[in-house]
Amino acid sequence: MQPVSPVEHDVVAFLGELSSVQDELLAVLDEKRKSLTRADLTAVNALQAREESLLVRLNACQQRRQEMLADAKTQGIPAQN
């Protein structure tokens, strides 16, 4: 097995975090949808903080992606997205 380069390690870690955030956000949004169909505003409000926290993490992923692309460019590594 070939050793993993630091860039590959960063990409794998990034994709793991992105996948985790997306899965968690989808679960929260599904629960929010169910709460809305029940007209359970208490539950909807309770989910708001979790949703906001996940959106902060998602924005951090987007920022990290931009940093990784910029780093790749400075290192001469082809990276479109």
Protein backbone atom coordinates (compact mmCIF):
# COMPACT_ATOMS: atom_id res chain seq x y z
CA MET A 1 0.00 0.00 0.00
CA GLN A 2 1.35 3.40 -1.00
CA PRO A 3 1.81 6.08 1.64
CA VAL A 4 -0.79 8.83 1.59
CA SER A 5 0.50 12.30 0.78
CA PRO A 6 -0.42 15.23 3.04
CA VAL A 7 -2.67 16.60 0.29
CA GLU A 8 -4.49 13.28 -0.06
CA HIS A 9 -4.85 13.08 3.72
CA ASP A 10 -6.36 16.58 3.79
CA VAL A 11 -8.80 15.73 1.00
CA VAL A 12 -9.91 12.53 2.72
CA ALA A 13 -10.38 14.34 6.04
CA PHE A 14 -12.27 17.16 4.32
CA LEU A 15 -14.60 14.78 2.49
CA GLY A 16 -15.27 12.88 5.71
CA GLU A 17 -16.25 16.06 7.54
CA LEU A 18 -18.35 17.30 4.61
CA SER A 19 -20.18 13.97 4.39
CA SER A 20 -20.80 13.95 8.13
CA VAL A 21 -22.17 17.50 8.16
CA GLN A 22 -24.41 16.83 5.17
CA ASP A 23 -25.79 13.62 6.69
CA GLU A 24 -26.49 15.34 10.01
CA LEU A 25 -28.10 18.33 8.30
CA LEU A 26 -30.33 16.08 6.20
CA ALA A 27 -31.46 14.27 9.36
CA VAL A 28 -32.26 17.56 11.10
CA LEU A 29 -34.12 18.87 8.05
CA ASP A 30 -36.10 15.64 7.82
CA GLU A 31 -37.09 15.96 11.47
CA LYS A 32 -37.96 19.62 10.90
CA ARG A 33 -40.16 18.64 7.94
CA LYS A 34 -41.94 16.05 10.06
CA SER A 35 -42.42 18.58 12.85
CA LEU A 36 -43.85 21.11 10.41
CA THR A 37 -46.35 18.59 9.04
CA ARG A 38 -47.48 17.96 12.63
CA ALA A 39 -47.59 21.73 13.22
CA ASP A 40 -45.26 21.13 16.18
CA LEU A 41 -43.65 24.54 16.45
CA THR A 42 -41.98 23.66 19.73
CA ALA A 43 -40.05 20.89 17.99
CA VAL A 44 -39.25 23.15 15.03
CA ASN A 45 -37.85 25.78 17.36
CA ALA A 46 -35.85 23.16 19.26
CA LEU A 47 -34.21 22.03 16.02
CA GLN A 48 -33.18 25.56 15.05
CA ALA A 49 -30.02 25.68 17.17
CA ARG A 50 -28.83 22.31 15.83
CA GLU A 51 -29.54 23.40 12.26
CA GLU A 52 -27.64 26.66 12.76
CA SER A 53 -24.67 24.81 14.26
CA LEU A 54 -24.56 22.48 11.27
CA LEU A 55 -24.76 25.41 8.86
CA VAL A 56 -21.74 26.96 10.60
CA ARG A 57 -19.87 23.68 10.09
CA LEU A 58 -20.99 23.54 6.45
CA ASN A 59 -19.72 27.08 5.89
CA ALA A 60 -16.41 26.06 7.50
CA CYS A 61 -16.21 23.18 5.03
CA GLN A 62 -16.76 25.61 2.16
CA GLN A 63 -14.00 27.87 3.51
CA ARG A 64 -11.66 24.89 3.91
CA ARG A 65 -12.42 23.81 0.34
CA GLN A 66 -11.45 27.25 -0.94
CA GLU A 67 -8.21 27.13 1.08
CA MET A 68 -7.38 23.67 -0.24
CA LEU A 69 -7.95 24.76 -3.83
CA ALA A 70 -5.75 27.83 -3.32
CA ASP A 71 -3.03 25.68 -1.71
CA ALA A 72 -3.21 23.20 -4.59
CA LYS A 73 -2.84 26.01 -7.10
CA THR A 74 0.26 27.40 -5.36
CA GLN A 75 1.76 23.89 -5.32
CA GLY A 76 1.04 23.41 -9.03
CA ILE A 77 -1.49 20.66 -8.37
CA PRO A 78 -4.36 20.68 -10.87
CA ALA A 79 -7.57 21.35 -8.97
CA GLN A 80 -10.73 22.60 -10.60
CA ASN A 81 -13.20 21.91 -7.81
